[in-house]
């Protein structure tokens, strides 16, 4: 089992333990990964919805590695603060992630939300979240690295003079760490949210200033945060790791049961401040 497959399996088990998935559905999803679980269900936490600013995103395709075509959602900003690659959760490029891209665009940062299941026909070609998670688990991680670098290239093509950043959530947070460890040097900043840090990840090939975001109630925070901090210090990269008290895994997703409106709003403010400092390089 790869570290990404293990992380995806842990997310399913955690969703079951928190009552978000029934035992039958958790077993079905883990079965697609070739695994099983015996976690006990709990009462689910209740999220509180919020109204994000109006967004307009455009479905696009762009050139990927080895002649492949990649898919994504493009949100052009009226301002010219910079560009951001947005990387989705283990649910793929669902309705939530383009909203994040659109919100960044409303804040002055043109954003490209990449679909890492483009080769499978895109997230929408799969019947449900379980199949999306299984498909992601079956992809060699090196393909994700190459596709994300192609996403950065597309941002550079569309925004030739802009500084660039990357942001990702859960699985996507782990993808941001992978992108940095893969030696992507075109990013001025990055904001991974509570994702796994790659085993033996080395960030010395990166130039990005990194804002890592975690929830204090996320039981997997400790080890991955410590590994990230050690790698950031070894690479001598500007960084800050922020842990929000009372917030759980996936607290930024306003469509999920763990959504924490206060923590999400503050996290977004911190991300914008970080990007303003290292991407736009001017205060709001």
C-alpha atoms as a PDB file:
ATOM      1  CA  UNK A   1       0.000   0.000   0.000  1.00  0.00           C
ATOM      2  CA  UNK A   2       1.350   3.427  -0.941  1.00  0.00           C
ATOM      3  CA  UNK A   3       1.230   6.335   1.524  1.00  0.00           C
ATOM      4  CA  UNK A   4      -1.523   7.970  -0.540  1.00  0.00           C
ATOM      5  CA  UNK A   5      -3.587   4.780  -0.559  1.00  0.00           C
ATOM      6  CA  UNK A   6      -3.141   4.526   3.206  1.00  0.00           C
ATOM      7  CA  UNK A   7      -4.239   8.150   3.622  1.00  0.00           C
ATOM      8  CA  UNK A   8      -7.353   7.621   1.498  1.00  0.00           C
ATOM      9  CA  UNK A   9      -8.225   4.512   3.523  1.00  0.00           C
ATOM     10  CA  UNK A  10      -7.779   6.436   6.779  1.00  0.00           C
ATOM     11  CA  UNK A  11     -10.156   9.141   5.523  1.00  0.00           C
ATOM     12  CA  UNK A  12     -12.839   6.524   4.828  1.00  0.00           C
ATOM     13  CA  UNK A  13     -12.369   4.984   8.271  1.00  0.00           C
ATOM     14  CA  UNK A  14     -12.511   8.416   9.906  1.00  0.00           C
ATOM     15  CA  UNK A  15     -15.691   9.347   8.010  1.00  0.00           C
ATOM     16  CA  UNK A  16     -17.253   6.120   9.262  1.00  0.00           C
ATOM     17  CA  UNK A  17     -16.110   6.718  12.839  1.00  0.00           C
ATOM     18  CA  UNK A  18     -17.641  10.207  12.742  1.00  0.00           C
ATOM     19  CA  UNK A  19     -20.932   8.907  11.394  1.00  0.00           C
ATOM     20  CA  UNK A  20     -20.583  10.504   7.975  1.00  0.00           C
ATOM     21  CA  UNK A  21     -20.544   7.081   6.272  1.00  0.00           C
ATOM     22  CA  UNK A  22     -22.543   4.015   7.247  1.00  0.00           C
ATOM     23  CA  UNK A  23     -20.577   0.874   7.984  1.00  0.00           C
ATOM     24  CA  UNK A  24     -21.868  -0.683   4.775  1.00  0.00           C
ATOM     25  CA  UNK A  25     -20.781   2.278   2.670  1.00  0.00           C
ATOM     26  CA  UNK A  26     -17.392   2.452   4.398  1.00  0.00           C
ATOM     27  CA  UNK A  27     -16.850  -1.253   3.729  1.00  0.00           C
ATOM     28  CA  UNK A  28     -17.890  -0.781   0.107  1.00  0.00           C
ATOM     29  CA  UNK A  29     -15.452   2.086  -0.396  1.00  0.00           C
ATOM     30  CA  UNK A  30     -12.623   0.273   1.344  1.00  0.00           C
ATOM     31  CA  UNK A  31     -13.460  -2.793  -0.678  1.00  0.00           C
ATOM     32  CA  UNK A  32     -12.771  -0.789  -3.816  1.00  0.00           C
ATOM     33  CA  UNK A  33      -9.329  -0.164  -2.321  1.00  0.00           C
ATOM     34  CA  UNK A  34      -8.929  -3.835  -1.389  1.00  0.00           C
ATOM     35  CA  UNK A  35      -9.247  -3.141   2.351  1.00  0.00           C
ATOM     36  CA  UNK A  36     -11.712  -3.492   5.241  1.00  0.00           C
ATOM     37  CA  UNK A  37     -12.630  -1.660   8.459  1.00  0.00           C
ATOM     38  CA  UNK A  38     -14.249  -2.350  11.813  1.00  0.00           C
ATOM     39  CA  UNK A  39     -14.484   1.222  13.084  1.00  0.00           C
ATOM     40  CA  UNK A  40     -17.475   2.071  15.266  1.00  0.00           C
ATOM     41  CA  UNK A  41     -19.904   4.801  14.245  1.00  0.00           C
ATOM     42  CA  UNK A  42     -20.366   8.030  16.164  1.00  0.00           C
ATOM     43  CA  UNK A  43     -22.889  10.823  15.937  1.00  0.00           C
ATOM     44  CA  UNK A  44     -21.879  13.101  13.068  1.00  0.00           C
ATOM     45  CA  UNK A  45     -20.806  16.653  13.719  1.00  0.00           C
ATOM     46  CA  UNK A  46     -23.043  19.327  12.243  1.00  0.00           C
ATOM     47  CA  UNK A  47     -21.647  21.849   9.784  1.00  0.00           C
ATOM     48  CA  UNK A  48     -23.006  25.328   9.279  1.00  0.00           C
ATOM     49  CA  UNK A  49     -23.369  26.530   5.728  1.00  0.00           C
ATOM     50  CA  UNK A  50     -22.099  29.895   4.634  1.00  0.00           C
ATOM     51  CA  UNK A  51     -22.508  32.070   1.568  1.00  0.00           C
ATOM     52  CA  UNK A  52     -19.346  32.381  -0.516  1.00  0.00           C
ATOM     53  CA  UNK A  53     -19.005  35.372  -2.862  1.00  0.00           C
ATOM     54  CA  UNK A  54     -20.458  34.931  -6.375  1.00  0.00           C
ATOM     55  CA  UNK A  55     -18.094  32.988  -8.627  1.00  0.00           C
ATOM     56  CA  UNK A  56     -17.828  32.309 -12.329  1.00  0.00           C
ATOM     57  CA  UNK A  57     -15.632  29.414 -13.413  1.00  0.00           C
ATOM     58  CA  UNK A  58     -15.108  28.010 -16.881  1.00  0.00           C
ATOM     59  CA  UNK A  59     -14.480  24.326 -17.676  1.00  0.00           C
ATOM     60  CA  UNK A  60     -11.280  24.097 -19.700  1.00  0.00           C
ATOM     61  CA  UNK A  61      -8.872  21.572 -21.148  1.00  0.00           C
ATOM     62  CA  UNK A  62      -5.152  22.098 -21.498  1.00  0.00           C
ATOM     63  CA  UNK A  63      -2.011  20.267 -22.532  1.00  0.00           C
ATOM     64  CA  UNK A  64      -0.712  17.640 -20.150  1.00  0.00           C
ATOM     65  CA  UNK A  65       2.439  15.515 -20.138  1.00  0.00           C
ATOM     66  CA  UNK A  66       3.115  12.973 -22.881  1.00  0.00           C
ATOM     67  CA  UNK A  67       0.446  14.433 -25.142  1.00  0.00           C
ATOM     68  CA  UNK A  68      -2.383  13.856 -22.661  1.00  0.00           C
ATOM     69  CA  UNK A  69      -5.229  16.341 -22.246  1.00  0.00           C
ATOM     70  CA  UNK A  70      -5.996  17.608 -18.767  1.00  0.00           C
ATOM     71  CA  UNK A  71      -9.242  19.059 -17.476  1.00  0.00           C
ATOM     72  CA  UNK A  72      -9.956  21.791 -14.983  1.00  0.00           C
ATOM     73  CA  UNK A  73     -12.003  24.788 -13.928  1.00  0.00           C
ATOM     74  CA  UNK A  74     -10.587  28.238 -14.694  1.00  0.00           C
ATOM     75  CA  UNK A  75     -11.524  31.325 -12.694  1.00  0.00           C
ATOM     76  CA  UNK A  76     -10.018  34.527 -14.146  1.00  0.00           C
ATOM     77  CA  UNK A  77      -9.594  37.440 -11.780  1.00  0.00           C
ATOM     78  CA  UNK A  78     -10.243  41.059 -12.653  1.00  0.00           C
ATOM     79  CA  UNK A  79      -7.157  41.977 -10.640  1.00  0.00           C
ATOM     80  CA  UNK A  80      -3.579  40.939 -11.307  1.00  0.00           C
ATOM     81  CA  UNK A  81      -2.408  39.769  -7.926  1.00  0.00           C
ATOM     82  CA  UNK A  82      -1.159  36.391  -9.189  1.00  0.00           C
ATOM     83  CA  UNK A  83      -2.255  32.872 -10.087  1.00  0.00           C
ATOM     84  CA  UNK A  84      -3.147  29.866  -7.924  1.00  0.00           C
ATOM     85  CA  UNK A  85      -3.280  26.148  -8.725  1.00  0.00           C
ATOM     86  CA  UNK A  86      -6.137  24.597  -6.709  1.00  0.00           C
ATOM     87  CA  UNK A  87      -5.927  20.879  -5.924  1.00  0.00           C
ATOM     88  CA  UNK A  88      -9.007  18.952  -4.899  1.00  0.00           C
ATOM     89  CA  UNK A  89      -9.818  16.569  -2.055  1.00  0.00           C
ATOM     90  CA  UNK A  90     -10.261  12.809  -2.418  1.00  0.00           C
ATOM     91  CA  UNK A  91     -13.730  13.558  -3.821  1.00  0.00           C
ATOM     92  CA  UNK A  92     -12.184  14.855  -7.005  1.00  0.00           C
ATOM     93  CA  UNK A  93     -13.100  18.022  -8.873  1.00  0.00           C
ATOM     94  CA  UNK A  94     -16.604  18.227  -7.441  1.00  0.00           C
ATOM     95  CA  UNK A  95     -18.790  21.328  -7.144  1.00  0.00           C
ATOM     96  CA  UNK A  96     -16.983  22.640  -4.061  1.00  0.00           C
ATOM     97  CA  UNK A  97     -13.465  23.038  -5.471  1.00  0.00           C
ATOM     98  CA  UNK A  98     -14.403  25.327  -8.411  1.00  0.00           C
ATOM     99  CA  UNK A  99     -16.111  27.535  -5.819  1.00  0.00           C
ATOM    100  CA  UNK A 100     -12.785  27.808  -4.016  1.00  0.00           C
ATOM    101  CA  UNK A 101     -11.134  28.786  -7.297  1.00  0.00           C
ATOM    102  CA  UNK A 102     -13.849  31.346  -7.931  1.00  0.00           C
ATOM    103  CA  UNK A 103     -13.486  32.792  -4.471  1.00  0.00           C
ATOM    104  CA  UNK A 104      -9.747  33.230  -5.008  1.00  0.00           C
ATOM    105  CA  UNK A 105     -10.511  34.976  -8.294  1.00  0.00           C
ATOM    106  CA  UNK A 106     -12.938  37.293  -6.494  1.00  0.00           C
ATOM    107  CA  UNK A 107     -10.020  38.138  -4.193  1.00  0.00           C
ATOM    108  CA  UNK A 108      -7.774  39.041  -7.126  1.00  0.00           C
ATOM    109  CA  UNK A 109      -5.998  35.727  -7.779  1.00  0.00           C
ATOM    110  CA  UNK A 110      -6.802  33.934 -11.031  1.00  0.00           C
ATOM    111  CA  UNK A 111      -7.179  30.255 -10.179  1.00  0.00           C
ATOM    112  CA  UNK A 112      -7.011  26.930 -11.997  1.00  0.00           C
ATOM    113  CA  UNK A 113      -8.614  23.942 -10.290  1.00  0.00           C
ATOM    114  CA  UNK A 114      -7.098  20.848 -11.880  1.00  0.00           C
ATOM    115  CA  UNK A 115      -8.883  17.501 -12.231  1.00  0.00           C
ATOM    116  CA  UNK A 116      -6.361  14.811 -11.326  1.00  0.00           C
ATOM    117  CA  UNK A 117      -8.673  12.192 -12.839  1.00  0.00           C
ATOM    118  CA  UNK A 118      -8.512  13.724 -16.314  1.00  0.00           C
ATOM    119  CA  UNK A 119      -7.049  10.539 -17.797  1.00  0.00           C
ATOM    120  CA  UNK A 120     -10.041   8.615 -16.434  1.00  0.00           C
ATOM    121  CA  UNK A 121     -12.393  10.985 -18.235  1.00  0.00           C
ATOM    122  CA  UNK A 122     -12.652  13.447 -15.359  1.00  0.00           C
ATOM    123  CA  UNK A 123     -14.326  13.267 -11.966  1.00  0.00           C
ATOM    124  CA  UNK A 124     -17.765  13.626 -13.517  1.00  0.00           C
ATOM    125  CA  UNK A 125     -17.282  10.465 -15.579  1.00  0.00           C
ATOM    126  CA  UNK A 126     -17.237   8.304 -12.430  1.00  0.00           C
ATOM    127  CA  UNK A 127     -20.507   7.248 -10.775  1.00  0.00           C
ATOM    128  CA  UNK A 128     -19.812   8.421  -7.218  1.00  0.00           C
ATOM    129  CA  UNK A 129     -17.393   9.461  -4.503  1.00  0.00           C
ATOM    130  CA  UNK A 130     -16.425   5.881  -3.719  1.00  0.00           C
ATOM    131  CA  UNK A 131     -15.318   5.248  -7.276  1.00  0.00           C
ATOM    132  CA  UNK A 132     -13.502   8.602  -7.354  1.00  0.00           C
ATOM    133  CA  UNK A 133     -11.520   7.709  -4.235  1.00  0.00           C
ATOM    134  CA  UNK A 134     -10.689   4.262  -5.598  1.00  0.00           C
ATOM    135  CA  UNK A 135      -9.565   5.736  -8.902  1.00  0.00           C
ATOM    136  CA  UNK A 136      -7.286   8.228  -7.159  1.00  0.00           C
ATOM    137  CA  UNK A 137      -5.795   5.443  -5.059  1.00  0.00           C
ATOM    138  CA  UNK A 138      -4.958   3.491  -8.209  1.00  0.00           C
ATOM    139  CA  UNK A 139      -3.011   6.270  -9.931  1.00  0.00           C
ATOM    140  CA  UNK A 140       0.799   6.184  -9.642  1.00  0.00           C
ATOM    141  CA  UNK A 141       1.699   9.266  -7.556  1.00  0.00           C
ATOM    142  CA  UNK A 142       4.291  10.256 -10.147  1.00  0.00           C
ATOM    143  CA  UNK A 143       1.468  10.905 -12.602  1.00  0.00           C
ATOM    144  CA  UNK A 144      -0.046  13.377 -10.168  1.00  0.00           C
ATOM    145  CA  UNK A 145       3.316  15.156  -9.953  1.00  0.00           C
ATOM    146  CA  UNK A 146       3.544  15.474 -13.724  1.00  0.00           C
ATOM    147  CA  UNK A 147      -0.072  16.629 -14.075  1.00  0.00           C
ATOM    148  CA  UNK A 148       0.296  19.261 -11.370  1.00  0.00           C
ATOM    149  CA  UNK A 149       3.445  20.597 -13.028  1.00  0.00           C
ATOM    150  CA  UNK A 150       1.450  20.822 -16.259  1.00  0.00           C
ATOM    151  CA  UNK A 151      -1.150  22.810 -14.324  1.00  0.00           C
ATOM    152  CA  UNK A 152       1.561  25.240 -13.223  1.00  0.00           C
ATOM    153  CA  UNK A 153       2.667  25.490 -16.863  1.00  0.00           C
ATOM    154  CA  UNK A 154      -0.897  26.340 -17.895  1.00  0.00           C
ATOM    155  CA  UNK A 155      -1.054  29.046 -15.253  1.00  0.00           C
ATOM    156  CA  UNK A 156       2.264  30.414 -16.517  1.00  0.00           C
ATOM    157  CA  UNK A 157       0.903  30.419 -20.090  1.00  0.00           C
ATOM    158  CA  UNK A 158      -2.232  32.317 -19.059  1.00  0.00           C
ATOM    159  CA  UNK A 159      -0.428  34.632 -16.627  1.00  0.00           C
ATOM    160  CA  UNK A 160       3.048  35.053 -18.100  1.00  0.00           C
ATOM    161  CA  UNK A 161       4.217  37.821 -15.771  1.00  0.00           C
ATOM    162  CA  UNK A 162       2.461  36.771 -12.575  1.00  0.00           C
ATOM    163  CA  UNK A 163       3.846  35.015  -9.530  1.00  0.00           C
ATOM    164  CA  UNK A 164       2.165  31.707  -8.809  1.00  0.00           C
ATOM    165  CA  UNK A 165       0.991  29.712  -5.794  1.00  0.00           C
ATOM    166  CA  UNK A 166      -0.706  26.405  -5.021  1.00  0.00           C
ATOM    167  CA  UNK A 167      -3.390  25.453  -2.520  1.00  0.00           C
ATOM    168  CA  UNK A 168      -4.846  22.013  -1.784  1.00  0.00           C
ATOM    169  CA  UNK A 169      -7.167  20.346   0.700  1.00  0.00           C
ATOM    170  CA  UNK A 170      -6.922  16.929   2.443  1.00  0.00           C
ATOM    171  CA  UNK A 171      -5.654  14.663  -0.329  1.00  0.00           C
ATOM    172  CA  UNK A 172      -4.955  17.858  -2.253  1.00  0.00           C
ATOM    173  CA  UNK A 173      -2.913  19.199   0.638  1.00  0.00           C
ATOM    174  CA  UNK A 174      -0.738  16.108   0.330  1.00  0.00           C
ATOM    175  CA  UNK A 175      -0.498  16.779  -3.388  1.00  0.00           C
ATOM    176  CA  UNK A 176       0.808  20.294  -2.708  1.00  0.00           C
ATOM    177  CA  UNK A 177       3.518  18.824  -0.484  1.00  0.00           C
ATOM    178  CA  UNK A 178       4.341  16.340  -3.253  1.00  0.00           C
ATOM    179  CA  UNK A 179       4.558  19.148  -5.816  1.00  0.00           C
ATOM    180  CA  UNK A 180       7.025  21.032  -3.640  1.00  0.00           C
ATOM    181  CA  UNK A 181       9.049  17.885  -2.992  1.00  0.00           C
ATOM    182  CA  UNK A 182       9.082  17.141  -6.729  1.00  0.00           C
ATOM    183  CA  UNK A 183      11.238  20.214  -7.274  1.00  0.00           C
ATOM    184  CA  UNK A 184       8.617  22.595  -8.683  1.00  0.00           C
ATOM    185  CA  UNK A 185      10.451  25.931  -8.489  1.00  0.00           C
ATOM    186  CA  UNK A 186       7.922  28.180 -10.222  1.00  0.00           C
ATOM    187  CA  UNK A 187       5.761  28.590  -7.111  1.00  0.00           C
ATOM    188  CA  UNK A 188       6.288  31.630  -4.930  1.00  0.00           C
ATOM    189  CA  UNK A 189       3.946  30.340  -2.233  1.00  0.00           C
ATOM    190  CA  UNK A 190       1.897  27.311  -1.198  1.00  0.00           C
ATOM    191  CA  UNK A 191      -0.915  26.612   1.266  1.00  0.00           C
ATOM    192  CA  UNK A 192      -1.458  22.881   1.926  1.00  0.00           C
ATOM    193  CA  UNK A 193      -4.454  22.141   4.178  1.00  0.00           C
ATOM    194  CA  UNK A 194      -4.113  19.112   6.503  1.00  0.00           C
ATOM    195  CA  UNK A 195      -2.702  16.696   3.940  1.00  0.00           C
ATOM    196  CA  UNK A 196      -0.113  13.929   4.389  1.00  0.00           C
ATOM    197  CA  UNK A 197       3.530  14.871   4.060  1.00  0.00           C
ATOM    198  CA  UNK A 198       5.373  12.557   1.625  1.00  0.00           C
ATOM    199  CA  UNK A 199       7.592   9.984   3.256  1.00  0.00           C
ATOM    200  CA  UNK A 200      11.194  11.237   3.200  1.00  0.00           C
ATOM    201  CA  UNK A 201       9.968  14.369   1.428  1.00  0.00           C
ATOM    202  CA  UNK A 202      12.771  16.797   0.636  1.00  0.00           C
ATOM    203  CA  UNK A 203      11.777  20.416  -0.031  1.00  0.00           C
ATOM    204  CA  UNK A 204      15.219  21.769  -0.848  1.00  0.00           C
ATOM    205  CA  UNK A 205      14.326  21.953  -4.545  1.00  0.00           C
ATOM    206  CA  UNK A 206      11.463  24.378  -3.842  1.00  0.00           C
ATOM    207  CA  UNK A 207      11.431  28.164  -3.539  1.00  0.00           C
ATOM    208  CA  UNK A 208       7.920  28.496  -2.124  1.00  0.00           C
ATOM    209  CA  UNK A 209       6.953  30.202   1.101  1.00  0.00           C
ATOM    210  CA  UNK A 210       4.651  27.690   2.777  1.00  0.00           C
ATOM    211  CA  UNK A 211       1.610  28.242   4.992  1.00  0.00           C
ATOM    212  CA  UNK A 212       0.508  24.867   6.388  1.00  0.00           C
ATOM    213  CA  UNK A 213      -3.034  24.723   7.811  1.00  0.00           C
ATOM    214  CA  UNK A 214      -4.264  22.104  10.291  1.00  0.00           C
ATOM    215  CA  UNK A 215      -7.201  21.383  12.573  1.00  0.00           C
ATOM    216  CA  UNK A 216      -6.445  20.614  16.223  1.00  0.00           C
ATOM    217  CA  UNK A 217      -9.087  17.864  16.348  1.00  0.00           C
ATOM    218  CA  UNK A 218      -7.583  16.038  13.360  1.00  0.00           C
ATOM    219  CA  UNK A 219      -6.021  12.935  14.896  1.00  0.00           C
ATOM    220  CA  UNK A 220      -3.432  12.703  12.113  1.00  0.00           C
ATOM    221  CA  UNK A 221      -2.087  16.238  12.520  1.00  0.00           C
ATOM    222  CA  UNK A 222       0.864  15.561  14.810  1.00  0.00           C
ATOM    223  CA  UNK A 223       3.122  13.312  12.763  1.00  0.00           C
ATOM    224  CA  UNK A 224       2.532  14.943   9.386  1.00  0.00           C
ATOM    225  CA  UNK A 225       2.926  18.444  10.804  1.00  0.00           C
ATOM    226  CA  UNK A 226       6.181  17.532  12.526  1.00  0.00           C
ATOM    227  CA  UNK A 227       7.578  15.983   9.345  1.00  0.00           C
ATOM    228  CA  UNK A 228       6.589  19.049   7.336  1.00  0.00           C
ATOM    229  CA  UNK A 229       8.160  21.411   9.858  1.00  0.00           C
ATOM    230  CA  UNK A 230      11.445  19.484   9.838  1.00  0.00           C
ATOM    231  CA  UNK A 231      11.587  19.473   6.032  1.00  0.00           C
ATOM    232  CA  UNK A 232      10.758  23.190   5.818  1.00  0.00           C
ATOM    233  CA  UNK A 233      13.500  24.028   8.292  1.00  0.00           C
ATOM    234  CA  UNK A 234      15.992  21.818   6.440  1.00  0.00           C
ATOM    235  CA  UNK A 235      15.114  23.597   3.176  1.00  0.00           C
ATOM    236  CA  UNK A 236      15.274  27.024   4.881  1.00  0.00           C
ATOM    237  CA  UNK A 237      11.974  28.019   3.315  1.00  0.00           C
ATOM    238  CA  UNK A 238       9.839  30.814   4.775  1.00  0.00           C
ATOM    239  CA  UNK A 239       7.001  29.042   6.517  1.00  0.00           C
ATOM    240  CA  UNK A 240       4.268  29.095   9.118  1.00  0.00           C
ATOM    241  CA  UNK A 241       2.246  26.112  10.342  1.00  0.00           C
ATOM    242  CA  UNK A 242      -1.115  27.140  11.779  1.00  0.00           C
ATOM    243  CA  UNK A 243      -3.339  24.828  13.834  1.00  0.00           C
ATOM    244  CA  UNK A 244      -6.934  25.920  14.479  1.00  0.00           C
ATOM    245  CA  UNK A 245      -8.336  24.911  17.843  1.00  0.00           C
ATOM    246  CA  UNK A 246     -11.783  23.318  17.743  1.00  0.00           C
ATOM    247  CA  UNK A 247     -11.425  22.534  14.022  1.00  0.00           C
ATOM    248  CA  UNK A 248     -11.335  19.014  12.632  1.00  0.00           C
ATOM    249  CA  UNK A 249     -10.115  17.465   9.416  1.00  0.00           C
ATOM    250  CA  UNK A 250     -11.677  19.083   6.322  1.00  0.00           C
ATOM    251  CA  UNK A 251     -12.964  22.049   8.335  1.00  0.00           C
ATOM    252  CA  UNK A 252     -12.655  24.362   5.302  1.00  0.00           C
ATOM    253  CA  UNK A 253     -15.186  22.450   3.184  1.00  0.00           C
ATOM    254  CA  UNK A 254     -18.547  24.150   3.651  1.00  0.00           C
ATOM    255  CA  UNK A 255     -20.370  21.223   2.034  1.00  0.00           C
ATOM    256  CA  UNK A 256     -19.115  18.736   4.645  1.00  0.00           C
ATOM    257  CA  UNK A 257     -20.143  17.730   8.149  1.00  0.00           C
ATOM    258  CA  UNK A 258     -16.865  18.961   9.671  1.00  0.00           C
ATOM    259  CA  UNK A 259     -17.167  22.486   8.312  1.00  0.00           C
ATOM    260  CA  UNK A 260     -16.185  25.108  10.879  1.00  0.00           C
ATOM    261  CA  UNK A 261     -17.298  28.529   9.661  1.00  0.00           C
ATOM    262  CA  UNK A 262     -15.145  30.581  12.034  1.00  0.00           C
ATOM    263  CA  UNK A 263     -11.986  28.565  11.407  1.00  0.00           C
ATOM    264  CA  UNK A 264     -12.610  28.525   7.643  1.00  0.00           C
ATOM    265  CA  UNK A 265     -13.036  32.296   7.499  1.00  0.00           C
ATOM    266  CA  UNK A 266      -9.875  32.899   9.508  1.00  0.00           C
ATOM    267  CA  UNK A 267      -7.925  30.328   7.464  1.00  0.00           C
ATOM    268  CA  UNK A 268      -8.960  32.042   4.249  1.00  0.00           C
ATOM    269  CA  UNK A 269      -7.901  35.413   5.642  1.00  0.00           C
ATOM    270  CA  UNK A 270      -4.528  33.947   6.593  1.00  0.00           C
ATOM    271  CA  UNK A 271      -4.093  32.412   3.122  1.00  0.00           C
ATOM    272  CA  UNK A 272      -4.849  35.731   1.413  1.00  0.00           C
ATOM    273  CA  UNK A 273      -2.429  37.556   3.703  1.00  0.00           C
ATOM    274  CA  UNK A 274       0.237  34.958   2.891  1.00  0.00           C
ATOM    275  CA  UNK A 275      -0.351  35.185  -0.849  1.00  0.00           C
ATOM    276  CA  UNK A 276      -0.390  38.980  -0.671  1.00  0.00           C
ATOM    277  CA  UNK A 277       2.999  38.886   1.017  1.00  0.00           C
ATOM    278  CA  UNK A 278       4.748  36.326  -1.164  1.00  0.00           C
ATOM    279  CA  UNK A 279       2.800  36.369  -4.452  1.00  0.00           C
ATOM    280  CA  UNK A 280       1.328  39.862  -4.905  1.00  0.00           C
ATOM    281  CA  UNK A 281       3.970  41.355  -2.588  1.00  0.00           C
ATOM    282  CA  UNK A 282       1.764  44.210  -1.564  1.00  0.00           C
ATOM    283  CA  UNK A 283      -0.700  44.620   1.300  1.00  0.00           C
ATOM    284  CA  UNK A 284      -4.440  44.850   0.840  1.00  0.00           C
END
